[in-house]
Amino acid sequence: MMTLIFITHLCYAQNISKKYILAQKRIPPSIELPIQPVQVNIQHTIIFKGPRAEIPVHDLPASYFPQYAIEAAEQYKKDFLAKYSQSASDLHYRFFYNSKGEACLEFTVVAKGRYTWPTPKWIGYTWPNLTGSIGNKKINFTITKKKHDLADYRMEQRRRDSLFREIEKVVFQIATEYDYDFGSAYGKKVKYRNPNIKKSVCGGYSDAISTAFEGHPYVSHVEKWSSKIGNHAWNVIVLNDGRKIYCDVTWYDGNSIDKDGYVVSIPDQDPVNLTFEMNEFIHLGGAINKATGKLLNVHFGWPDSKKETKP
C-alpha cells in the first residue's frame, strides 16, 4: 500500500512546482572592457545517439547529453547572445556531472571585437540531487542526478525493444486508468480531477496487471509478489522468451499530489519500476536510505517478500 514520491526542491531564484527538480540558474559575469579579445579554446559538444545497446547498461556514455540540459543550454544561449550581442559573438556549452553526481552546464563565451570577459567560463546551471520518500514518508531516500539520468537512459534502451514497448503499453494503460487511493491507505484527504477514475492501493494495481496480461501473446504468465514489512505488492511479468520484467505499476504511475491537493493523474512512468534489472528494481536505481546511509532495499529486498499463489 506504499506510495513512492519524489520531493520537490526550491532552487535558487526559482519556485519549482514540477515533480522533478529543475536547475539552479546562475547569472553570468557581464563586465565588458574595450581591450584586445582573448582567444578561447572551444570544446564542441557531441549529442549521443548511440547504437542499439545491450541490457544491462551500467553507466552513461561519456558523451551523454540529456534532453532537459540541451533545451536549457539552447535557451540560455539564445537569451545570452540577445543580451550581449555587442560583446559576444558566440556561447559554447558543455554538459557534465560534478563529484556530487549533480548535472551541470558550463558555458564559454567567445568575445567579439575588442571586448573580453574577465571570467570567460562559468557554470550556468546545476541540477541538484533528488530526495524522495516511500509510504507517506515512512522511508526517506536520496539519489544522485546522475543515477536518476542513468535510469532514464536505461529506459530509452529498453524501449528500443519492440516486445518491451508492447508490454509497457499495457502497463501504461493500467497506470492511466487508476489513481492511488490515499484515503484508504493513509486516511488522507485528496481530490481527483476525474471523479470516475478507478481508485486502488498497490494490491489492486497488482491484480489489474495480472488480469490485463491474461492471454497476452508475448507473456507466459504473471507473478504477484508482496511484503508485509513493506506493506506493498508488485508483479513479475514472465515473457514467452524466458525474460522477466519486474513491474511495480503503483510506483510506475507515480501518484504525486499537486499544490492544489489533486492526485496527478498523468502516469509518471518511473523507469526503475518497469525493468529487466532486478538490482535496479530492488535499489530503485541506486537510491540511498537516509536513515541507514546504505543502498535502499525494497521489493525483493524486503526479507519477507513472497510470491502469492492463486487460491
Protein backbone atom coordinates (compact mmCIF):
# COMPACT_ATOMS: atom_id res chain seq x y z
CA MET A 1 0.00 0.00 0.00
CA MET A 2 3.05 2.20 -0.15
CA THR A 3 3.43 5.18 -2.42
CA LEU A 4 6.68 6.48 -3.90
CA ILE A 5 7.12 10.26 -4.03
CA PHE A 6 9.99 12.45 -5.21
CA ILE A 7 10.17 15.64 -3.18
CA THR A 8 10.46 18.97 -4.98
CA HIS A 9 13.18 21.46 -4.12
CA LEU A 10 13.25 25.23 -4.19
CA CYS A 11 16.25 26.05 -6.32
CA TYR A 12 18.00 29.39 -6.40
CA ALA A 13 15.84 32.18 -7.82
CA GLN A 14 13.09 29.78 -8.89
CA ASN A 15 9.88 28.50 -7.29
CA ILE A 16 9.53 25.00 -8.68
CA SER A 17 6.28 23.07 -8.71
CA LYS A 18 7.28 20.23 -11.03
CA LYS A 19 7.87 16.82 -9.53
CA TYR A 20 11.37 16.55 -10.90
CA ILE A 21 13.95 19.13 -9.99
CA LEU A 22 14.79 21.93 -12.39
CA ALA A 23 18.13 23.68 -12.50
CA GLN A 24 19.76 26.33 -10.45
CA LYS A 25 20.50 29.15 -12.87
CA ARG A 26 23.39 31.46 -12.16
CA ILE A 27 23.90 34.88 -13.71
CA PRO A 28 26.99 35.08 -15.98
CA PRO A 29 29.69 37.70 -15.47
CA SER A 30 28.88 40.79 -17.52
CA ILE A 31 31.78 43.23 -17.14
CA GLU A 32 32.96 44.30 -20.58
CA LEU A 33 36.25 46.08 -21.19
CA PRO A 34 37.34 47.57 -24.57
CA ILE A 35 40.69 45.73 -24.78
CA GLN A 36 42.13 43.04 -27.01
CA PRO A 37 39.91 39.95 -27.21
CA VAL A 38 41.03 36.76 -25.52
CA GLN A 39 41.47 33.58 -27.56
CA VAL A 40 39.16 30.88 -26.23
CA ASN A 41 39.58 27.13 -26.77
CA ILE A 42 36.16 25.75 -27.56
CA GLN A 43 35.05 22.23 -26.72
CA HIS A 44 32.39 21.03 -29.11
CA THR A 45 29.54 19.11 -27.53
CA ILE A 46 28.60 15.73 -29.00
CA ILE A 47 24.99 14.66 -28.59
CA PHE A 48 24.88 10.89 -28.05
CA LYS A 49 22.64 8.98 -30.40
CA GLY A 50 24.43 5.64 -29.86
CA PRO A 51 23.76 2.25 -31.40
CA ARG A 52 21.30 -0.24 -30.03
CA ALA A 53 22.66 -1.08 -26.58
CA GLU A 54 22.52 -4.44 -24.81
CA ILE A 55 20.85 -4.67 -21.45
CA PRO A 56 22.10 -4.14 -18.79
CA VAL A 57 23.62 -0.68 -19.19
CA HIS A 58 25.77 0.07 -16.15
CA ASP A 59 26.92 3.60 -16.94
CA LEU A 60 26.13 6.57 -19.13
CA PRO A 61 28.18 7.14 -22.29
CA ALA A 62 30.87 9.77 -21.75
CA SER A 63 29.20 11.93 -24.41
CA TYR A 64 25.70 11.65 -22.95
CA PHE A 65 23.74 14.91 -23.10
CA PRO A 66 20.17 14.64 -21.71
CA GLN A 67 17.36 16.43 -23.49
CA TYR A 68 16.47 18.61 -20.49
CA ALA A 69 20.03 20.01 -20.50
CA ILE A 70 20.07 20.54 -24.27
CA GLU A 71 16.87 22.58 -24.06
CA ALA A 72 18.18 24.63 -21.12
CA ALA A 73 21.51 25.23 -22.85
CA GLU A 74 19.94 26.38 -26.11
CA GLN A 75 17.53 28.75 -24.34
CA TYR A 76 20.30 30.15 -22.15
CA LYS A 77 22.49 30.69 -25.22
CA LYS A 78 19.69 32.42 -27.12
CA ASP A 79 18.94 34.79 -24.22
CA PHE A 80 22.60 35.47 -23.55
CA LEU A 81 23.52 36.36 -27.14
CA ALA A 82 20.48 38.62 -27.42
CA LYS A 83 21.50 40.48 -24.28
CA TYR A 84 25.23 40.71 -25.04
CA SER A 85 25.16 41.00 -28.83
CA GLN A 86 27.65 43.87 -28.77
CA SER A 87 30.40 42.00 -26.95
CA ALA A 88 29.79 38.25 -27.54
CA SER A 89 29.91 36.51 -30.90
CA ASP A 90 29.05 33.03 -29.61
CA LEU A 91 28.43 30.99 -26.48
CA HIS A 92 29.53 27.36 -26.24
CA TYR A 93 28.37 24.92 -23.62
CA ARG A 94 29.45 21.63 -22.09
CA PHE A 95 27.42 19.16 -20.02
CA PHE A 96 28.96 17.14 -17.18
CA TYR A 97 28.31 15.63 -13.76
CA ASN A 98 30.25 17.00 -10.81
CA SER A 99 31.79 14.99 -7.97
CA LYS A 100 28.47 15.04 -6.08
CA GLY A 101 26.63 13.47 -9.03
CA GLU A 102 24.82 16.71 -9.85
CA ALA A 103 24.26 17.65 -13.50
CA CYS A 104 25.94 20.85 -14.68
CA LEU A 105 26.18 23.08 -17.72
CA GLU A 106 29.40 25.01 -18.25
CA PHE A 107 29.37 27.95 -20.65
CA THR A 108 32.26 29.55 -22.53
CA VAL A 109 31.79 32.94 -24.15
CA VAL A 110 33.52 33.92 -27.40
CA ALA A 111 34.27 37.64 -27.24
CA LYS A 112 33.59 39.97 -30.15
CA GLY A 113 35.90 42.66 -31.49
CA ARG A 114 37.96 44.36 -28.80
CA TYR A 115 35.88 43.07 -25.92
CA THR A 116 36.86 40.47 -23.35
CA TRP A 117 35.23 38.76 -20.41
CA PRO A 118 37.12 38.61 -17.09
CA THR A 119 35.60 35.16 -16.46
CA PRO A 120 35.08 33.54 -19.88
CA LYS A 121 33.82 30.25 -18.36
CA TRP A 122 31.20 29.66 -15.72
CA ILE A 123 28.68 27.09 -14.52
CA GLY A 124 25.33 28.40 -15.71
CA TYR A 125 23.05 25.61 -14.48
CA THR A 126 23.18 22.95 -11.77
CA TRP A 127 20.56 20.23 -11.42
CA PRO A 128 20.86 19.03 -7.81
CA ASN A 129 20.44 15.53 -6.48
CA LEU A 130 16.95 14.30 -5.63
CA THR A 131 15.25 13.26 -2.42
CA GLY A 132 12.14 11.18 -2.08
CA SER A 133 10.00 9.15 0.26
CA ILE A 134 8.11 5.87 0.38
CA GLY A 135 4.93 5.08 2.26
CA ASN A 136 3.76 8.50 3.46
CA LYS A 137 7.37 9.42 4.36
CA LYS A 138 7.94 6.16 6.25
CA ILE A 139 11.21 5.72 4.33
CA ASN A 140 13.23 8.70 3.04
CA PHE A 141 15.94 8.39 0.43
CA THR A 142 18.30 10.33 -1.83
CA ILE A 143 19.58 9.61 -5.32
CA THR A 144 22.14 11.47 -7.40
CA LYS A 145 21.02 13.24 -10.55
CA LYS A 146 23.49 11.12 -12.50
CA LYS A 147 21.92 7.86 -11.31
CA HIS A 148 18.48 9.30 -11.96
CA ASP A 149 19.53 10.16 -15.51
CA LEU A 150 21.06 6.69 -15.91
CA ALA A 151 17.67 5.16 -15.09
CA ASP A 152 16.06 7.29 -17.81
CA TYR A 153 18.79 6.29 -20.26
CA ARG A 154 18.29 2.59 -19.49
CA MET A 155 14.59 3.01 -20.17
CA GLU A 156 15.41 4.61 -23.53
CA GLN A 157 17.41 1.49 -24.40
CA ARG A 158 14.64 -0.87 -23.27
CA ARG A 159 12.13 0.97 -25.41
CA ARG A 160 14.15 0.06 -28.49
CA ASP A 161 12.89 -3.48 -27.90
CA SER A 162 9.52 -3.78 -29.68
CA LEU A 163 8.37 -6.52 -27.29
CA PHE A 164 9.10 -4.33 -24.26
CA ARG A 165 7.12 -1.50 -25.86
CA GLU A 166 4.11 -3.80 -26.20
CA ILE A 167 4.35 -4.72 -22.52
CA GLU A 168 4.69 -1.09 -21.48
CA LYS A 169 1.58 -0.14 -23.45
CA VAL A 170 -0.48 -2.39 -21.19
CA VAL A 171 1.24 -1.19 -18.01
CA PHE A 172 0.76 2.44 -19.05
CA GLN A 173 -2.93 1.80 -19.70
CA ILE A 174 -3.37 0.45 -16.15
CA ALA A 175 -1.48 3.46 -14.76
CA THR A 176 -3.78 5.75 -16.74
CA GLU A 177 -6.99 4.05 -15.59
CA TYR A 178 -6.07 4.03 -11.89
CA ASP A 179 -5.14 6.63 -9.28
CA TYR A 180 -3.88 5.84 -5.81
CA ASP A 181 -6.47 5.64 -3.02
CA PHE A 182 -4.82 7.86 -0.42
CA GLY A 183 -7.92 7.82 1.77
CA SER A 184 -7.94 4.04 2.08
CA ALA A 185 -4.19 3.75 2.54
CA TYR A 186 -3.42 6.66 4.85
CA GLY A 187 -6.74 8.32 5.74
CA LYS A 188 -5.50 11.28 3.72
CA LYS A 189 -7.96 13.66 2.07
CA VAL A 190 -7.10 14.34 -1.56
CA LYS A 191 -9.01 15.40 -4.67
CA TYR A 192 -9.31 13.69 -8.06
CA ARG A 193 -9.81 15.68 -11.26
CA ASN A 194 -11.65 12.75 -12.80
CA PRO A 195 -14.38 11.75 -10.32
CA ASN A 196 -14.88 8.43 -12.16
CA ILE A 197 -11.24 7.36 -12.01
CA LYS A 198 -10.61 3.89 -10.58
CA LYS A 199 -9.01 4.17 -7.14
CA SER A 200 -6.88 1.49 -5.59
CA VAL A 201 -3.88 0.71 -3.41
CA CYS A 202 -0.96 -1.43 -4.56
CA GLY A 203 -2.81 -4.75 -4.28
CA GLY A 204 -5.49 -3.58 -6.70
CA TYR A 205 -2.88 -2.22 -9.11
CA SER A 206 -1.06 -5.55 -9.00
CA ASP A 207 -4.25 -7.56 -9.59
CA ALA A 208 -5.07 -5.31 -12.56
CA ILE A 209 -1.70 -6.17 -14.12
CA SER A 210 -2.32 -9.90 -13.63
CA THR A 211 -5.72 -9.64 -15.29
CA ALA A 212 -4.57 -7.43 -18.16
CA PHE A 213 -1.87 -9.88 -19.27
CA GLU A 214 -4.04 -13.00 -19.23
CA GLY A 215 -3.79 -14.49 -22.72
CA HIS A 216 -1.31 -11.84 -23.90
CA PRO A 217 0.59 -13.21 -26.94
CA TYR A 218 4.03 -12.28 -25.57
CA VAL A 219 3.50 -13.26 -21.93
CA SER A 220 3.86 -16.74 -20.41
CA HIS A 221 2.42 -15.78 -17.02
CA VAL A 222 2.41 -13.06 -14.37
CA GLU A 223 3.55 -13.49 -10.78
CA LYS A 224 2.18 -11.40 -7.92
CA TRP A 225 4.59 -10.65 -5.08
CA SER A 226 4.03 -8.91 -1.77
CA SER A 227 5.67 -7.98 1.52
CA LYS A 228 4.11 -7.34 4.93
CA ILE A 229 7.22 -5.44 6.02
CA GLY A 230 6.95 -3.17 3.01
CA ASN A 231 3.14 -3.25 3.06
CA HIS A 232 3.33 -3.42 -0.70
CA ALA A 233 2.59 -5.57 -3.77
CA TRP A 234 4.13 -5.80 -7.25
CA ASN A 235 4.48 -8.16 -10.23
CA VAL A 236 6.94 -10.14 -12.27
CA ILE A 237 5.90 -10.43 -15.91
CA VAL A 238 7.44 -13.59 -17.40
CA LEU A 239 7.76 -13.39 -21.18
CA ASN A 240 7.49 -16.32 -23.59
CA ASP A 241 11.20 -15.94 -24.40
CA GLY A 242 12.10 -16.51 -20.73
CA ARG A 243 12.92 -12.92 -19.82
CA LYS A 244 11.37 -11.33 -16.76
CA ILE A 245 10.13 -7.76 -16.43
CA TYR A 246 9.96 -6.51 -12.87
CA CYS A 247 6.87 -4.33 -12.65
CA ASP A 248 5.59 -2.10 -9.86
CA VAL A 249 2.76 -0.30 -11.63
CA THR A 250 1.81 1.64 -8.47
CA TRP A 251 5.19 3.35 -8.35
CA TYR A 252 5.47 3.48 -12.14
CA ASP A 253 2.26 5.52 -12.02
CA GLY A 254 3.76 8.00 -9.55
CA ASN A 255 0.62 9.30 -7.86
CA SER A 256 2.05 12.54 -6.53
CA ILE A 257 -0.22 15.28 -5.17
CA ASP A 258 -0.11 18.74 -6.74
CA LYS A 259 -0.14 22.07 -4.91
CA ASP A 260 -3.94 22.23 -5.11
CA GLY A 261 -4.39 18.86 -3.41
CA TYR A 262 -5.22 16.87 -6.55
CA VAL A 263 -3.68 13.49 -7.32
CA VAL A 264 -1.64 13.86 -10.52
CA SER A 265 -3.41 11.56 -12.97
CA ILE A 266 -0.77 11.56 -15.72
CA PRO A 267 1.46 8.49 -15.20
CA ASP A 268 4.99 9.41 -14.22
CA GLN A 269 6.43 6.30 -15.97
CA ASP A 270 9.13 5.87 -13.33
CA PRO A 271 11.76 3.79 -15.21
CA VAL A 272 13.16 1.80 -12.27
CA ASN A 273 9.73 0.27 -11.69
CA LEU A 274 9.46 -1.40 -15.11
CA THR A 275 12.77 -3.05 -15.82
CA PHE A 276 14.61 -6.26 -16.73
CA GLU A 277 17.13 -5.47 -13.98
CA MET A 278 16.34 -6.97 -10.57
CA ASN A 279 19.01 -4.90 -8.79
CA GLU A 280 17.65 -1.71 -10.33
CA PHE A 281 14.20 -2.74 -9.12
CA ILE A 282 15.38 -3.54 -5.58
CA HIS A 283 17.51 -0.42 -5.09
CA LEU A 284 15.37 1.98 -7.19
CA GLY A 285 18.31 2.76 -9.45
CA GLY A 286 20.88 3.25 -6.67
CA ALA A 287 18.93 5.27 -4.08
CA ILE A 288 20.38 5.68 -0.59
CA ASN A 289 18.28 5.18 2.53
CA LYS A 290 18.76 8.37 4.55
CA ALA A 291 18.25 6.56 7.87
CA THR A 292 20.98 3.96 7.27
CA GLY A 293 23.23 5.63 4.70
CA LYS A 294 23.12 2.36 2.72
CA LEU A 295 21.50 1.28 -0.52
CA LEU A 296 17.74 1.31 -0.37
CA ASN A 297 16.25 -2.20 -0.29
CA VAL A 298 12.65 -2.61 -1.39
CA HIS A 299 10.61 -5.21 -3.31
CA PHE A 300 12.71 -8.40 -3.16
CA GLY A 301 15.00 -6.57 -0.72
CA TRP A 302 12.33 -6.89 1.96
CA PRO A 303 13.21 -10.17 3.72
CA ASP A 304 9.63 -11.42 3.89
CA SER A 305 8.82 -10.84 0.19
CA LYS A 306 6.95 -13.80 -1.24
CA LYS A 307 5.19 -14.91 -4.39
CA GLU A 308 1.48 -15.26 -3.89
CA THR A 309 -0.32 -18.31 -5.12
CA LYS A 310 -3.82 -18.34 -6.55
CA PRO A 311 -6.42 -19.92 -4.27
